[in-house]
């Protein structure tokens, strides 16, 4: 398993944005929150947690989280995982 933590929404979207946009109907909450944090990193008073996880047999996951919104996850299957996150 590989976890990549991003310090801000810009870095997170650079890494996971293409995958999230390709499946926008499933990921619109993650995209919306991430885009809201781009111009205002302290939108809710503290920075959000942005991470992308890749692992064998489980594909990839994208994760922005903030105390005000709890945790939001996106998961992809193994067959498409490496191609989507590498894009």
PDB file of N, CA and C in Angstrom:
ATOM      1  N   UNK A   1       0.847  -1.180   0.000  1.00  0.00           N
ATOM      2  CA  UNK A   1       0.000   0.000   0.000  1.00  0.00           C
ATOM      3  C   UNK A   1       0.888   1.238   0.000  1.00  0.00           C
ATOM      4  N   UNK A   2       0.459   2.231  -0.731  1.00  0.00           N
ATOM      5  CA  UNK A   2       1.172   3.506  -0.808  1.00  0.00           C
ATOM      6  C   UNK A   2       0.187   4.631  -0.499  1.00  0.00           C
ATOM      7  N   UNK A   3       0.515   5.456   0.483  1.00  0.00           N
ATOM      8  CA  UNK A   3      -0.319   6.593   0.855  1.00  0.00           C
ATOM      9  C   UNK A   3       0.440   7.863   0.531  1.00  0.00           C
ATOM     10  N   UNK A   4      -0.185   8.733  -0.243  1.00  0.00           N
ATOM     11  CA  UNK A   4       0.414  10.021  -0.564  1.00  0.00           C
ATOM     12  C   UNK A   4      -0.441  11.100   0.072  1.00  0.00           C
ATOM     13  N   UNK A   5       0.117  11.819   1.000  1.00  0.00           N
ATOM     14  CA  UNK A   5      -0.576  12.911   1.680  1.00  0.00           C
ATOM     15  C   UNK A   5      -0.256  14.206   0.955  1.00  0.00           C
ATOM     16  N   UNK A   6      -1.265  15.013   0.705  1.00  0.00           N
ATOM     17  CA  UNK A   6      -1.087  16.285   0.018  1.00  0.00           C
ATOM     18  C   UNK A   6      -1.360  17.425   0.987  1.00  0.00           C
ATOM     19  N   UNK A   7      -0.526  18.436   0.927  1.00  0.00           N
ATOM     20  CA  UNK A   7      -0.632  19.560   1.857  1.00  0.00           C
ATOM     21  C   UNK A   7      -1.793  20.502   1.546  1.00  0.00           C
ATOM     22  N   UNK A   8      -2.257  20.478   0.301  1.00  0.00           N
ATOM     23  CA  UNK A   8      -3.352  21.380  -0.062  1.00  0.00           C
ATOM     24  C   UNK A   8      -4.188  20.784  -1.192  1.00  0.00           C
ATOM     25  N   UNK A   9      -5.288  21.458  -1.470  1.00  0.00           N
ATOM     26  CA  UNK A   9      -6.222  20.984  -2.490  1.00  0.00           C
ATOM     27  C   UNK A   9      -5.594  20.990  -3.882  1.00  0.00           C
ATOM     28  N   UNK A  10      -4.735  21.970  -4.167  1.00  0.00           N
ATOM     29  CA  UNK A  10      -4.097  22.027  -5.489  1.00  0.00           C
ATOM     30  C   UNK A  10      -3.290  20.763  -5.768  1.00  0.00           C
ATOM     31  N   UNK A  11      -2.460  20.361  -4.816  1.00  0.00           N
ATOM     32  CA  UNK A  11      -1.630  19.160  -4.995  1.00  0.00           C
ATOM     33  C   UNK A  11      -2.498  17.906  -5.079  1.00  0.00           C
ATOM     34  N   UNK A  12      -3.538  17.842  -4.253  1.00  0.00           N
ATOM     35  CA  UNK A  12      -4.449  16.701  -4.267  1.00  0.00           C
ATOM     36  C   UNK A  12      -5.134  16.580  -5.629  1.00  0.00           C
ATOM     37  N   UNK A  13      -5.662  17.682  -6.141  1.00  0.00           N
ATOM     38  CA  UNK A  13      -6.357  17.651  -7.426  1.00  0.00           C
ATOM     39  C   UNK A  13      -5.407  17.385  -8.585  1.00  0.00           C
ATOM     40  N   UNK A  14      -4.169  17.816  -8.466  1.00  0.00           N
ATOM     41  CA  UNK A  14      -3.186  17.500  -9.502  1.00  0.00           C
ATOM     42  C   UNK A  14      -2.957  15.992  -9.569  1.00  0.00           C
ATOM     43  N   UNK A  15      -2.946  15.330  -8.425  1.00  0.00           N
ATOM     44  CA  UNK A  15      -2.714  13.888  -8.363  1.00  0.00           C
ATOM     45  C   UNK A  15      -3.975  13.087  -8.707  1.00  0.00           C
ATOM     46  N   UNK A  16      -5.108  13.458  -8.151  1.00  0.00           N
ATOM     47  CA  UNK A  16      -6.322  12.643  -8.279  1.00  0.00           C
ATOM     48  C   UNK A  16      -7.422  13.279  -9.115  1.00  0.00           C
ATOM     49  N   UNK A  17      -7.250  14.511  -9.532  1.00  0.00           N
ATOM     50  CA  UNK A  17      -8.313  15.236 -10.220  1.00  0.00           C
ATOM     51  C   UNK A  17      -8.825  14.591 -11.494  1.00  0.00           C
ATOM     52  N   UNK A  18      -7.921  14.055 -12.317  1.00  0.00           N
ATOM     53  CA  UNK A  18      -8.355  13.440 -13.580  1.00  0.00           C
ATOM     54  C   UNK A  18      -9.241  12.231 -13.319  1.00  0.00           C
ATOM     55  N   UNK A  19      -8.856  11.402 -12.358  1.00  0.00           N
ATOM     56  CA  UNK A  19      -9.685  10.252 -12.013  1.00  0.00           C
ATOM     57  C   UNK A  19     -11.029  10.700 -11.453  1.00  0.00           C
ATOM     58  N   UNK A  20     -11.015  11.640 -10.527  1.00  0.00           N
ATOM     59  CA  UNK A  20     -12.262  12.097  -9.927  1.00  0.00           C
ATOM     60  C   UNK A  20     -13.192  12.692 -10.979  1.00  0.00           C
ATOM     61  N   UNK A  21     -12.650  13.470 -11.891  1.00  0.00           N
ATOM     62  CA  UNK A  21     -13.470  14.091 -12.942  1.00  0.00           C
ATOM     63  C   UNK A  21     -14.020  13.053 -13.912  1.00  0.00           C
ATOM     64  N   UNK A  22     -13.259  11.996 -14.178  1.00  0.00           N
ATOM     65  CA  UNK A  22     -13.729  10.956 -15.103  1.00  0.00           C
ATOM     66  C   UNK A  22     -14.951  10.231 -14.554  1.00  0.00           C
ATOM     67  N   UNK A  23     -15.089  10.192 -13.241  1.00  0.00           N
ATOM     68  CA  UNK A  23     -16.248   9.564 -12.594  1.00  0.00           C
ATOM     69  C   UNK A  23     -16.951  10.612 -11.735  1.00  0.00           C
ATOM     70  N   UNK A  24     -17.242  11.738 -12.360  1.00  0.00           N
ATOM     71  CA  UNK A  24     -17.737  12.901 -11.634  1.00  0.00           C
ATOM     72  C   UNK A  24     -19.038  12.641 -10.881  1.00  0.00           C
ATOM     73  N   UNK A  25     -19.930  11.870 -11.442  1.00  0.00           N
ATOM     74  CA  UNK A  25     -21.200  11.605 -10.762  1.00  0.00           C
ATOM     75  C   UNK A  25     -20.977  10.937  -9.407  1.00  0.00           C
ATOM     76  N   UNK A  26     -19.975  10.097  -9.305  1.00  0.00           N
ATOM     77  CA  UNK A  26     -19.667   9.423  -8.046  1.00  0.00           C
ATOM     78  C   UNK A  26     -18.819  10.294  -7.122  1.00  0.00           C
ATOM     79  N   UNK A  27     -18.101  11.239  -7.697  1.00  0.00           N
ATOM     80  CA  UNK A  27     -17.103  11.985  -6.930  1.00  0.00           C
ATOM     81  C   UNK A  27     -17.397  13.469  -6.800  1.00  0.00           C
ATOM     82  N   UNK A  28     -18.613  13.894  -7.102  1.00  0.00           N
ATOM     83  CA  UNK A  28     -18.879  15.328  -7.105  1.00  0.00           C
ATOM     84  C   UNK A  28     -18.745  15.974  -5.725  1.00  0.00           C
ATOM     85  N   UNK A  29     -19.001  15.255  -4.647  1.00  0.00           N
ATOM     86  CA  UNK A  29     -18.811  15.820  -3.312  1.00  0.00           C
ATOM     87  C   UNK A  29     -17.325  16.066  -3.043  1.00  0.00           C
ATOM     88  N   UNK A  30     -16.485  15.089  -3.369  1.00  0.00           N
ATOM     89  CA  UNK A  30     -15.041  15.245  -3.187  1.00  0.00           C
ATOM     90  C   UNK A  30     -14.524  16.405  -4.039  1.00  0.00           C
ATOM     91  N   UNK A  31     -14.948  16.461  -5.291  1.00  0.00           N
ATOM     92  CA  UNK A  31     -14.520  17.549  -6.167  1.00  0.00           C
ATOM     93  C   UNK A  31     -14.973  18.904  -5.633  1.00  0.00           C
ATOM     94  N   UNK A  32     -16.213  18.987  -5.226  1.00  0.00           N
ATOM     95  CA  UNK A  32     -16.738  20.256  -4.718  1.00  0.00           C
ATOM     96  C   UNK A  32     -16.001  20.748  -3.486  1.00  0.00           C
ATOM     97  N   UNK A  33     -15.767  19.847  -2.528  1.00  0.00           N
ATOM     98  CA  UNK A  33     -15.031  20.245  -1.318  1.00  0.00           C
ATOM     99  C   UNK A  33     -13.598  20.630  -1.663  1.00  0.00           C
ATOM    100  N   UNK A  34     -12.970  19.850  -2.517  1.00  0.00           N
ATOM    101  CA  UNK A  34     -11.583  20.140  -2.893  1.00  0.00           C
ATOM    102  C   UNK A  34     -11.483  21.494  -3.598  1.00  0.00           C
ATOM    103  N   UNK A  35     -12.408  21.757  -4.508  1.00  0.00           N
ATOM    104  CA  UNK A  35     -12.395  23.035  -5.219  1.00  0.00           C
ATOM    105  C   UNK A  35     -12.683  24.203  -4.275  1.00  0.00           C
ATOM    106  N   UNK A  36     -13.499  23.985  -3.250  1.00  0.00           N
ATOM    107  CA  UNK A  36     -13.779  25.036  -2.262  1.00  0.00           C
ATOM    108  C   UNK A  36     -12.536  25.363  -1.441  1.00  0.00           C
ATOM    109  N   UNK A  37     -11.690  24.370  -1.185  1.00  0.00           N
ATOM    110  CA  UNK A  37     -10.477  24.588  -0.405  1.00  0.00           C
ATOM    111  C   UNK A  37      -9.340  25.205  -1.224  1.00  0.00           C
ATOM    112  N   UNK A  38      -9.412  25.158  -2.555  1.00  0.00           N
ATOM    113  CA  UNK A  38      -8.328  25.727  -3.369  1.00  0.00           C
ATOM    114  C   UNK A  38      -8.085  27.212  -3.052  1.00  0.00           C
ATOM    115  N   UNK A  39      -9.096  28.072  -3.172  1.00  0.00           N
ATOM    116  CA  UNK A  39      -8.825  29.493  -2.901  1.00  0.00           C
ATOM    117  C   UNK A  39      -8.805  29.834  -1.412  1.00  0.00           C
ATOM    118  N   UNK A  40      -9.400  28.965  -0.579  1.00  0.00           N
ATOM    119  CA  UNK A  40      -9.494  29.247   0.854  1.00  0.00           C
ATOM    120  C   UNK A  40      -9.113  28.002   1.662  1.00  0.00           C
ATOM    121  N   UNK A  41      -7.809  27.746   1.839  1.00  0.00           N
ATOM    122  CA  UNK A  41      -7.369  26.525   2.526  1.00  0.00           C
ATOM    123  C   UNK A  41      -7.885  26.403   3.968  1.00  0.00           C
ATOM    124  N   UNK A  42      -8.206  27.515   4.590  1.00  0.00           N
ATOM    125  CA  UNK A  42      -8.714  27.491   5.965  1.00  0.00           C
ATOM    126  C   UNK A  42     -10.209  27.798   6.003  1.00  0.00           C
ATOM    127  N   UNK A  43     -10.916  27.333   5.014  1.00  0.00           N
ATOM    128  CA  UNK A  43     -12.341  27.598   4.858  1.00  0.00           C
ATOM    129  C   UNK A  43     -13.129  27.325   6.134  1.00  0.00           C
ATOM    130  N   UNK A  44     -12.810  26.254   6.838  1.00  0.00           N
ATOM    131  CA  UNK A  44     -13.509  25.892   8.074  1.00  0.00           C
ATOM    132  C   UNK A  44     -12.631  26.080   9.302  1.00  0.00           C
ATOM    133  N   UNK A  45     -11.615  26.943   9.182  1.00  0.00           N
ATOM    134  CA  UNK A  45     -10.789  27.279  10.329  1.00  0.00           C
ATOM    135  C   UNK A  45      -9.512  26.461  10.473  1.00  0.00           C
ATOM    136  N   UNK A  46      -9.406  25.362   9.776  1.00  0.00           N
ATOM    137  CA  UNK A  46      -8.198  24.539   9.806  1.00  0.00           C
ATOM    138  C   UNK A  46      -8.071  23.827   8.464  1.00  0.00           C
ATOM    139  N   UNK A  47      -6.847  23.403   8.111  1.00  0.00           N
ATOM    140  CA  UNK A  47      -6.667  22.751   6.813  1.00  0.00           C
ATOM    141  C   UNK A  47      -7.345  21.383   6.749  1.00  0.00           C
ATOM    142  N   UNK A  48      -7.781  21.026   5.573  1.00  0.00           N
ATOM    143  CA  UNK A  48      -8.363  19.697   5.347  1.00  0.00           C
ATOM    144  C   UNK A  48      -7.234  18.674   5.193  1.00  0.00           C
ATOM    145  N   UNK A  49      -7.582  17.397   5.318  1.00  0.00           N
ATOM    146  CA  UNK A  49      -6.638  16.298   5.125  1.00  0.00           C
ATOM    147  C   UNK A  49      -6.884  15.736   3.732  1.00  0.00           C
ATOM    148  N   UNK A  50      -5.885  15.791   2.864  1.00  0.00           N
ATOM    149  CA  UNK A  50      -5.999  15.285   1.496  1.00  0.00           C
ATOM    150  C   UNK A  50      -5.020  14.133   1.311  1.00  0.00           C
ATOM    151  N   UNK A  51      -5.505  12.986   0.845  1.00  0.00           N
ATOM    152  CA  UNK A  51      -4.622  11.846   0.626  1.00  0.00           C
ATOM    153  C   UNK A  51      -5.141  10.973  -0.510  1.00  0.00           C
ATOM    154  N   UNK A  52      -4.201  10.282  -1.160  1.00  0.00           N
ATOM    155  CA  UNK A  52      -4.511   9.284  -2.174  1.00  0.00           C
ATOM    156  C   UNK A  52      -3.809   8.006  -1.749  1.00  0.00           C
ATOM    157  N   UNK A  53      -4.546   6.908  -1.720  1.00  0.00           N
ATOM    158  CA  UNK A  53      -3.994   5.619  -1.328  1.00  0.00           C
ATOM    159  C   UNK A  53      -4.065   4.653  -2.491  1.00  0.00           C
ATOM    160  N   UNK A  54      -2.964   4.000  -2.744  1.00  0.00           N
ATOM    161  CA  UNK A  54      -2.913   2.967  -3.772  1.00  0.00           C
ATOM    162  C   UNK A  54      -2.418   1.696  -3.123  1.00  0.00           C
ATOM    163  N   UNK A  55      -3.017   0.573  -3.483  1.00  0.00           N
ATOM    164  CA  UNK A  55      -2.589  -0.682  -2.902  1.00  0.00           C
ATOM    165  C   UNK A  55      -2.896  -1.852  -3.809  1.00  0.00           C
ATOM    166  N   UNK A  56      -2.210  -2.926  -3.579  1.00  0.00           N
ATOM    167  CA  UNK A  56      -2.432  -4.132  -4.382  1.00  0.00           C
ATOM    168  C   UNK A  56      -3.785  -4.742  -4.075  1.00  0.00           C
ATOM    169  N   UNK A  57      -4.491  -5.075  -5.139  1.00  0.00           N
ATOM    170  CA  UNK A  57      -5.759  -5.768  -4.984  1.00  0.00           C
ATOM    171  C   UNK A  57      -6.927  -4.901  -4.587  1.00  0.00           C
ATOM    172  N   UNK A  58      -6.702  -3.633  -4.288  1.00  0.00           N
ATOM    173  CA  UNK A  58      -7.791  -2.762  -3.857  1.00  0.00           C
ATOM    174  C   UNK A  58      -7.929  -1.521  -4.722  1.00  0.00           C
ATOM    175  N   UNK A  59      -7.093  -1.351  -5.716  1.00  0.00           N
ATOM    176  CA  UNK A  59      -7.185  -0.163  -6.546  1.00  0.00           C
ATOM    177  C   UNK A  59      -6.710   1.055  -5.790  1.00  0.00           C
ATOM    178  N   UNK A  60      -7.342   2.197  -6.019  1.00  0.00           N
ATOM    179  CA  UNK A  60      -6.930   3.433  -5.369  1.00  0.00           C
ATOM    180  C   UNK A  60      -8.087   4.098  -4.670  1.00  0.00           C
ATOM    181  N   UNK A  61      -7.742   4.988  -3.765  1.00  0.00           N
ATOM    182  CA  UNK A  61      -8.756   5.768  -3.057  1.00  0.00           C
ATOM    183  C   UNK A  61      -8.290   7.209  -2.962  1.00  0.00           C
ATOM    184  N   UNK A  62      -9.233   8.119  -3.015  1.00  0.00           N
ATOM    185  CA  UNK A  62      -8.947   9.531  -2.821  1.00  0.00           C
ATOM    186  C   UNK A  62      -9.706   9.982  -1.596  1.00  0.00           C
ATOM    187  N   UNK A  63      -9.077  10.839  -0.810  1.00  0.00           N
ATOM    188  CA  UNK A  63      -9.694  11.179   0.458  1.00  0.00           C
ATOM    189  C   UNK A  63      -9.431  12.616   0.874  1.00  0.00           C
ATOM    190  N   UNK A  64     -10.418  13.491   0.777  1.00  0.00           N
ATOM    191  CA  UNK A  64     -10.314  14.745   1.500  1.00  0.00           C
ATOM    192  C   UNK A  64     -11.155  14.625   2.762  1.00  0.00           C
ATOM    193  N   UNK A  65     -10.713  15.162   3.843  1.00  0.00           N
ATOM    194  CA  UNK A  65     -11.478  15.096   5.090  1.00  0.00           C
ATOM    195  C   UNK A  65     -11.320  16.397   5.853  1.00  0.00           C
ATOM    196  N   UNK A  66     -12.355  16.754   6.570  1.00  0.00           N
ATOM    197  CA  UNK A  66     -12.326  17.922   7.430  1.00  0.00           C
ATOM    198  C   UNK A  66     -13.322  17.691   8.547  1.00  0.00           C
ATOM    199  N   UNK A  67     -13.037  18.216   9.701  1.00  0.00           N
ATOM    200  CA  UNK A  67     -13.900  17.996  10.865  1.00  0.00           C
ATOM    201  C   UNK A  67     -15.352  18.398  10.600  1.00  0.00           C
ATOM    202  N   UNK A  68     -15.546  19.445   9.816  1.00  0.00           N
ATOM    203  CA  UNK A  68     -16.913  19.906   9.548  1.00  0.00           C
ATOM    204  C   UNK A  68     -17.682  18.949   8.645  1.00  0.00           C
ATOM    205  N   UNK A  69     -16.972  18.162   7.843  1.00  0.00           N
ATOM    206  CA  UNK A  69     -17.626  17.276   6.880  1.00  0.00           C
ATOM    207  C   UNK A  69     -17.263  15.815   7.068  1.00  0.00           C
ATOM    208  N   UNK A  70     -16.574  15.488   8.140  1.00  0.00           N
ATOM    209  CA  UNK A  70     -16.136  14.120   8.392  1.00  0.00           C
ATOM    210  C   UNK A  70     -15.262  13.620   7.252  1.00  0.00           C
ATOM    211  N   UNK A  71     -15.450  12.392   6.825  1.00  0.00           N
ATOM    212  CA  UNK A  71     -14.577  11.771   5.843  1.00  0.00           C
ATOM    213  C   UNK A  71     -15.349  11.479   4.565  1.00  0.00           C
ATOM    214  N   UNK A  72     -14.732  11.765   3.420  1.00  0.00           N
ATOM    215  CA  UNK A  72     -15.332  11.483   2.121  1.00  0.00           C
ATOM    216  C   UNK A  72     -14.349  10.607   1.358  1.00  0.00           C
ATOM    217  N   UNK A  73     -14.820   9.458   0.857  1.00  0.00           N
ATOM    218  CA  UNK A  73     -13.956   8.515   0.156  1.00  0.00           C
ATOM    219  C   UNK A  73     -14.431   8.272  -1.269  1.00  0.00           C
ATOM    220  N   UNK A  74     -13.494   7.976  -2.126  1.00  0.00           N
ATOM    221  CA  UNK A  74     -13.779   7.475  -3.458  1.00  0.00           C
ATOM    222  C   UNK A  74     -12.928   6.244  -3.641  1.00  0.00           C
ATOM    223  N   UNK A  75     -13.498   5.167  -4.173  1.00  0.00           N
ATOM    224  CA  UNK A  75     -12.748   3.929  -4.356  1.00  0.00           C
ATOM    225  C   UNK A  75     -12.919   3.430  -5.774  1.00  0.00           C
ATOM    226  N   UNK A  76     -11.836   2.860  -6.315  1.00  0.00           N
ATOM    227  CA  UNK A  76     -11.886   2.280  -7.649  1.00  0.00           C
ATOM    228  C   UNK A  76     -11.443   0.829  -7.584  1.00  0.00           C
ATOM    229  N   UNK A  77     -11.848   0.066  -8.584  1.00  0.00           N
ATOM    230  CA  UNK A  77     -11.493  -1.347  -8.576  1.00  0.00           C
ATOM    231  C   UNK A  77     -10.074  -1.562  -9.089  1.00  0.00           C
ATOM    232  N   UNK A  78      -9.548  -2.725  -8.825  1.00  0.00           N
ATOM    233  CA  UNK A  78      -8.163  -3.063  -9.143  1.00  0.00           C
ATOM    234  C   UNK A  78      -7.852  -2.972 -10.632  1.00  0.00           C
ATOM    235  N   UNK A  79      -8.781  -3.366 -11.470  1.00  0.00           N
ATOM    236  CA  UNK A  79      -8.523  -3.401 -12.913  1.00  0.00           C
ATOM    237  C   UNK A  79      -8.236  -2.034 -13.494  1.00  0.00           C
ATOM    238  N   UNK A  80      -8.851  -0.982 -12.946  1.00  0.00           N
ATOM    239  CA  UNK A  80      -8.667   0.362 -13.502  1.00  0.00           C
ATOM    240  C   UNK A  80      -7.834   1.243 -12.601  1.00  0.00           C
ATOM    241  N   UNK A  81      -7.531   0.803 -11.416  1.00  0.00           N
ATOM    242  CA  UNK A  81      -6.882   1.640 -10.408  1.00  0.00           C
ATOM    243  C   UNK A  81      -5.564   2.258 -10.796  1.00  0.00           C
ATOM    244  N   UNK A  82      -4.612   1.469 -11.240  1.00  0.00           N
ATOM    245  CA  UNK A  82      -3.304   2.014 -11.548  1.00  0.00           C
ATOM    246  C   UNK A  82      -3.350   2.995 -12.713  1.00  0.00           C
ATOM    247  N   UNK A  83      -4.123   2.686 -13.731  1.00  0.00           N
ATOM    248  CA  UNK A  83      -4.209   3.584 -14.875  1.00  0.00           C
ATOM    249  C   UNK A  83      -4.843   4.904 -14.495  1.00  0.00           C
ATOM    250  N   UNK A  84      -5.886   4.894 -13.677  1.00  0.00           N
ATOM    251  CA  UNK A  84      -6.596   6.113 -13.327  1.00  0.00           C
ATOM    252  C   UNK A  84      -5.741   7.019 -12.451  1.00  0.00           C
ATOM    253  N   UNK A  85      -5.083   6.463 -11.448  1.00  0.00           N
ATOM    254  CA  UNK A  85      -4.301   7.295 -10.535  1.00  0.00           C
ATOM    255  C   UNK A  85      -3.022   7.766 -11.196  1.00  0.00           C
ATOM    256  N   UNK A  86      -2.468   6.992 -12.123  1.00  0.00           N
ATOM    257  CA  UNK A  86      -1.250   7.400 -12.823  1.00  0.00           C
ATOM    258  C   UNK A  86      -1.506   8.475 -13.860  1.00  0.00           C
ATOM    259  N   UNK A  87      -2.762   8.630 -14.291  1.00  0.00           N
ATOM    260  CA  UNK A  87      -3.100   9.567 -15.367  1.00  0.00           C
ATOM    261  C   UNK A  87      -2.734  10.992 -15.013  1.00  0.00           C
TER     262      UNK A  87
END
